[in-house]
Amino acid sequence: MVQPFEQVVEEHGPTVLRVCRALLGPVDAEDAWAETFLAALRAFPRLEPGSNVRGWLVTIAHRKAIDVLREAARTVPTAEVPESAHLDLVGDDELWGAVAALPFKQRAAVVYHHVAGLPYVEVGALLDSSEAAARRSASDGIAALRRREEAR
């Protein structure tokens, strides 16, 4: 039996929001979250029974985050200063700020594995790399966070 989509949102919504916030910061996260679930709602009837729903949703969120980052790269700078790109997640703001400062692949690997709980094989697929490369990116990201903490 397929669970209702509302249950999917209730169960996985917080994880997807944490992923979006960790990748994009608080300004763009809500929109990416909404776009993720709109896309998921359209595709949900075709989802195979027994699928890894959390992994599927994080994959959609990853693609939406990439879209936002690409659009931001095309944006023409203005005289206005944008809001800070720090992460607004529950917990240690300094830690999330440090995660936000990591290079994208490291940040994404850390977030997908340690926040979303995806196995490295899925992280690698999301990042268009191997399982070993995803594991290395996450390891490098965690090492950078530890070095930062030790320097404090």
C-alpha atoms as a PDB file:
ATOM      1  CA  MET A   1       0.000   0.000   0.000  1.00  0.00           C
ATOM      2  CA  VAL A   2       1.331   3.438  -0.928  1.00  0.00           C
ATOM      3  CA  GLN A   3       1.309   6.011   1.863  1.00  0.00           C
ATOM      4  CA  PRO A   4      -0.543   9.286   1.255  1.00  0.00           C
ATOM      5  CA  PHE A   5       1.623  12.133   0.008  1.00  0.00           C
ATOM      6  CA  GLU A   6       0.732  14.198   3.075  1.00  0.00           C
ATOM      7  CA  GLN A   7       2.419  11.540   5.218  1.00  0.00           C
ATOM      8  CA  VAL A   8       5.510  11.698   3.004  1.00  0.00           C
ATOM      9  CA  VAL A   9       5.715  15.463   3.536  1.00  0.00           C
ATOM     10  CA  GLU A  10       5.176  15.121   7.279  1.00  0.00           C
ATOM     11  CA  GLU A  11       7.773  12.360   7.633  1.00  0.00           C
ATOM     12  CA  HIS A  12      10.490  13.690   5.309  1.00  0.00           C
ATOM     13  CA  GLY A  13       9.767  17.419   5.150  1.00  0.00           C
ATOM     14  CA  PRO A  14      12.073  18.366   8.044  1.00  0.00           C
ATOM     15  CA  THR A  15      15.014  16.434   6.568  1.00  0.00           C
ATOM     16  CA  VAL A  16      14.506  17.998   3.141  1.00  0.00           C
ATOM     17  CA  LEU A  17      14.311  21.460   4.721  1.00  0.00           C
ATOM     18  CA  ARG A  18      17.566  20.862   6.645  1.00  0.00           C
ATOM     19  CA  VAL A  19      19.235  19.782   3.402  1.00  0.00           C
ATOM     20  CA  CYS A  20      17.952  22.855   1.549  1.00  0.00           C
ATOM     21  CA  ARG A  21      19.058  25.184   4.353  1.00  0.00           C
ATOM     22  CA  ALA A  22      22.470  23.592   4.582  1.00  0.00           C
ATOM     23  CA  LEU A  23      23.035  23.869   0.835  1.00  0.00           C
ATOM     24  CA  LEU A  24      21.444  27.251   0.189  1.00  0.00           C
ATOM     25  CA  GLY A  25      21.085  29.147   3.450  1.00  0.00           C
ATOM     26  CA  PRO A  26      17.836  30.404   4.934  1.00  0.00           C
ATOM     27  CA  VAL A  27      16.931  32.872   2.182  1.00  0.00           C
ATOM     28  CA  ASP A  28      16.487  30.337  -0.622  1.00  0.00           C
ATOM     29  CA  ALA A  29      15.775  27.194   1.410  1.00  0.00           C
ATOM     30  CA  GLU A  30      12.023  27.617   1.805  1.00  0.00           C
ATOM     31  CA  ASP A  31      11.528  28.115  -1.941  1.00  0.00           C
ATOM     32  CA  ALA A  32      13.727  25.126  -2.780  1.00  0.00           C
ATOM     33  CA  TRP A  33      11.801  23.041  -0.230  1.00  0.00           C
ATOM     34  CA  ALA A  34       8.488  24.030  -1.805  1.00  0.00           C
ATOM     35  CA  GLU A  35       9.794  23.374  -5.319  1.00  0.00           C
ATOM     36  CA  THR A  36      11.061  19.972  -4.168  1.00  0.00           C
ATOM     37  CA  PHE A  37       7.674  18.905  -2.883  1.00  0.00           C
ATOM     38  CA  LEU A  38       5.813  20.306  -5.896  1.00  0.00           C
ATOM     39  CA  ALA A  39       8.029  18.232  -8.173  1.00  0.00           C
ATOM     40  CA  ALA A  40       7.654  15.230  -5.872  1.00  0.00           C
ATOM     41  CA  LEU A  41       3.865  15.566  -5.842  1.00  0.00           C
ATOM     42  CA  ARG A  42       3.805  15.441  -9.653  1.00  0.00           C
ATOM     43  CA  ALA A  43       6.062  12.373  -9.764  1.00  0.00           C
ATOM     44  CA  PHE A  44       4.686  10.571  -6.680  1.00  0.00           C
ATOM     45  CA  PRO A  45       2.102   8.458  -8.534  1.00  0.00           C
ATOM     46  CA  ARG A  46       4.927   6.941 -10.623  1.00  0.00           C
ATOM     47  CA  LEU A  47       7.167   6.123  -7.637  1.00  0.00           C
ATOM     48  CA  GLU A  48       7.777   2.389  -7.400  1.00  0.00           C
ATOM     49  CA  PRO A  49       6.508   0.671  -4.236  1.00  0.00           C
ATOM     50  CA  GLY A  50       9.370   0.045  -1.814  1.00  0.00           C
ATOM     51  CA  SER A  51      11.421   2.975  -3.146  1.00  0.00           C
ATOM     52  CA  ASN A  52      13.762   4.898  -0.863  1.00  0.00           C
ATOM     53  CA  VAL A  53      11.498   7.935  -0.475  1.00  0.00           C
ATOM     54  CA  ARG A  54      13.976   9.943   1.604  1.00  0.00           C
ATOM     55  CA  GLY A  55      16.734   9.394  -0.964  1.00  0.00           C
ATOM     56  CA  TRP A  56      14.342  10.240  -3.783  1.00  0.00           C
ATOM     57  CA  LEU A  57      13.312  13.495  -2.086  1.00  0.00           C
ATOM     58  CA  VAL A  58      16.915  14.477  -1.282  1.00  0.00           C
ATOM     59  CA  THR A  59      17.773  13.862  -4.947  1.00  0.00           C
ATOM     60  CA  ILE A  60      15.000  16.237  -6.002  1.00  0.00           C
ATOM     61  CA  ALA A  61      16.117  18.788  -3.377  1.00  0.00           C
ATOM     62  CA  HIS A  62      19.696  18.499  -4.662  1.00  0.00           C
ATOM     63  CA  ARG A  63      18.554  19.299  -8.190  1.00  0.00           C
ATOM     64  CA  LYS A  64      16.459  22.235  -6.992  1.00  0.00           C
ATOM     65  CA  ALA A  65      19.447  23.558  -4.992  1.00  0.00           C
ATOM     66  CA  ILE A  66      21.671  23.288  -8.068  1.00  0.00           C
ATOM     67  CA  ASP A  67      19.059  25.242 -10.035  1.00  0.00           C
ATOM     68  CA  VAL A  68      19.056  27.993  -7.396  1.00  0.00           C
ATOM     69  CA  LEU A  69      22.864  28.126  -7.314  1.00  0.00           C
ATOM     70  CA  ARG A  70      23.053  28.302 -11.116  1.00  0.00           C
ATOM     71  CA  GLU A  71      20.491  31.091 -11.188  1.00  0.00           C
ATOM     72  CA  ALA A  72      22.406  32.986  -8.505  1.00  0.00           C
ATOM     73  CA  ALA A  73      25.576  32.660 -10.566  1.00  0.00           C
ATOM     74  CA  ARG A  74      23.772  34.291 -13.506  1.00  0.00           C
ATOM     75  CA  THR A  75      22.403  37.125 -11.368  1.00  0.00           C
ATOM     76  CA  VAL A  76      23.845  40.550 -12.082  1.00  0.00           C
ATOM     77  CA  PRO A  77      25.261  42.221  -8.946  1.00  0.00           C
ATOM     78  CA  THR A  78      23.439  45.289  -7.633  1.00  0.00           C
ATOM     79  CA  ALA A  79      24.281  48.046  -5.215  1.00  0.00           C
ATOM     80  CA  GLU A  80      22.128  46.357  -2.550  1.00  0.00           C
ATOM     81  CA  VAL A  81      23.829  44.065  -0.074  1.00  0.00           C
ATOM     82  CA  PRO A  82      22.081  40.667   0.107  1.00  0.00           C
ATOM     83  CA  GLU A  83      21.165  38.972   3.349  1.00  0.00           C
ATOM     84  CA  SER A  84      23.898  36.925   4.989  1.00  0.00           C
ATOM     85  CA  ALA A  85      24.247  33.407   3.627  1.00  0.00           C
ATOM     86  CA  HIS A  86      24.637  31.869   7.096  1.00  0.00           C
ATOM     87  CA  LEU A  87      22.556  28.832   7.895  1.00  0.00           C
ATOM     88  CA  ASP A  88      19.541  29.284  10.087  1.00  0.00           C
ATOM     89  CA  LEU A  89      19.198  25.780  11.473  1.00  0.00           C
ATOM     90  CA  VAL A  90      18.339  24.618  14.924  1.00  0.00           C
ATOM     91  CA  GLY A  91      21.559  24.042  16.828  1.00  0.00           C
ATOM     92  CA  ASP A  92      25.001  25.553  16.772  1.00  0.00           C
ATOM     93  CA  ASP A  93      24.955  28.582  14.456  1.00  0.00           C
ATOM     94  CA  GLU A  94      28.762  28.648  14.315  1.00  0.00           C
ATOM     95  CA  LEU A  95      28.855  25.019  13.201  1.00  0.00           C
ATOM     96  CA  TRP A  96      26.296  25.610  10.460  1.00  0.00           C
ATOM     97  CA  GLY A  97      28.187  28.724   9.405  1.00  0.00           C
ATOM     98  CA  ALA A  98      31.322  26.603   9.110  1.00  0.00           C
ATOM     99  CA  VAL A  99      29.403  24.010   7.063  1.00  0.00           C
ATOM    100  CA  ALA A 100      28.142  26.782   4.778  1.00  0.00           C
ATOM    101  CA  ALA A 101      31.743  27.917   4.223  1.00  0.00           C
ATOM    102  CA  LEU A 102      32.871  24.496   2.940  1.00  0.00           C
ATOM    103  CA  PRO A 103      33.365  24.025  -0.817  1.00  0.00           C
ATOM    104  CA  PHE A 104      30.112  22.834  -2.416  1.00  0.00           C
ATOM    105  CA  LYS A 105      31.029  19.151  -2.882  1.00  0.00           C
ATOM    106  CA  GLN A 106      32.297  18.845   0.695  1.00  0.00           C
ATOM    107  CA  ARG A 107      29.274  20.708   2.083  1.00  0.00           C
ATOM    108  CA  ALA A 108      26.868  18.615   0.025  1.00  0.00           C
ATOM    109  CA  ALA A 109      28.536  15.312   0.975  1.00  0.00           C
ATOM    110  CA  VAL A 110      28.500  16.227   4.678  1.00  0.00           C
ATOM    111  CA  VAL A 111      24.862  17.339   4.509  1.00  0.00           C
ATOM    112  CA  TYR A 112      23.592  14.427   2.434  1.00  0.00           C
ATOM    113  CA  HIS A 113      25.346  11.811   4.544  1.00  0.00           C
ATOM    114  CA  HIS A 114      25.313  13.294   8.057  1.00  0.00           C
ATOM    115  CA  VAL A 115      22.115  15.372   7.946  1.00  0.00           C
ATOM    116  CA  ALA A 116      19.934  13.460   5.488  1.00  0.00           C
ATOM    117  CA  GLY A 117      21.395  10.065   6.389  1.00  0.00           C
ATOM    118  CA  LEU A 118      21.973   8.918   2.820  1.00  0.00           C
ATOM    119  CA  PRO A 119      24.519   6.169   2.178  1.00  0.00           C
ATOM    120  CA  TYR A 120      27.662   7.228   0.326  1.00  0.00           C
ATOM    121  CA  VAL A 121      26.621   5.394  -2.842  1.00  0.00           C
ATOM    122  CA  GLU A 122      23.562   7.693  -3.087  1.00  0.00           C
ATOM    123  CA  VAL A 123      25.630  10.748  -2.148  1.00  0.00           C
ATOM    124  CA  GLY A 124      28.036   9.896  -4.963  1.00  0.00           C
ATOM    125  CA  ALA A 125      25.172   9.599  -7.424  1.00  0.00           C
ATOM    126  CA  LEU A 126      23.818  12.995  -6.372  1.00  0.00           C
ATOM    127  CA  LEU A 127      27.228  14.585  -6.818  1.00  0.00           C
ATOM    128  CA  ASP A 128      27.967  12.825 -10.120  1.00  0.00           C
ATOM    129  CA  SER A 129      30.907  11.024  -8.556  1.00  0.00           C
ATOM    130  CA  SER A 130      31.776   7.624  -7.153  1.00  0.00           C
ATOM    131  CA  GLU A 131      30.936   6.321  -3.717  1.00  0.00           C
ATOM    132  CA  ALA A 132      34.623   6.639  -2.799  1.00  0.00           C
ATOM    133  CA  ALA A 133      34.759  10.261  -3.978  1.00  0.00           C
ATOM    134  CA  ALA A 134      31.634  11.081  -1.977  1.00  0.00           C
ATOM    135  CA  ARG A 135      33.143   9.437   1.089  1.00  0.00           C
ATOM    136  CA  ARG A 136      36.346  11.458   0.534  1.00  0.00           C
ATOM    137  CA  SER A 137      34.456  14.733   0.101  1.00  0.00           C
ATOM    138  CA  ALA A 138      32.536  14.129   3.330  1.00  0.00           C
ATOM    139  CA  SER A 139      35.730  13.134   5.121  1.00  0.00           C
ATOM    140  CA  ASP A 140      37.539  16.241   3.883  1.00  0.00           C
ATOM    141  CA  GLY A 141      34.591  18.390   4.964  1.00  0.00           C
ATOM    142  CA  ILE A 142      34.492  16.861   8.453  1.00  0.00           C
ATOM    143  CA  ALA A 143      38.287  17.243   8.742  1.00  0.00           C
ATOM    144  CA  ALA A 144      38.000  20.930   7.803  1.00  0.00           C
ATOM    145  CA  LEU A 145      35.288  21.412  10.417  1.00  0.00           C
ATOM    146  CA  ARG A 146      37.448  19.694  13.052  1.00  0.00           C
ATOM    147  CA  ARG A 147      40.475  21.840  12.162  1.00  0.00           C
ATOM    148  CA  ARG A 148      38.337  24.936  12.452  1.00  0.00           C
ATOM    149  CA  GLU A 149      37.068  23.824  15.853  1.00  0.00           C
ATOM    150  CA  GLU A 150      40.582  23.031  17.096  1.00  0.00           C
ATOM    151  CA  ALA A 151      41.802  26.465  15.980  1.00  0.00           C
ATOM    152  CA  ARG A 152      39.178  28.168  18.155  1.00  0.00           C
END
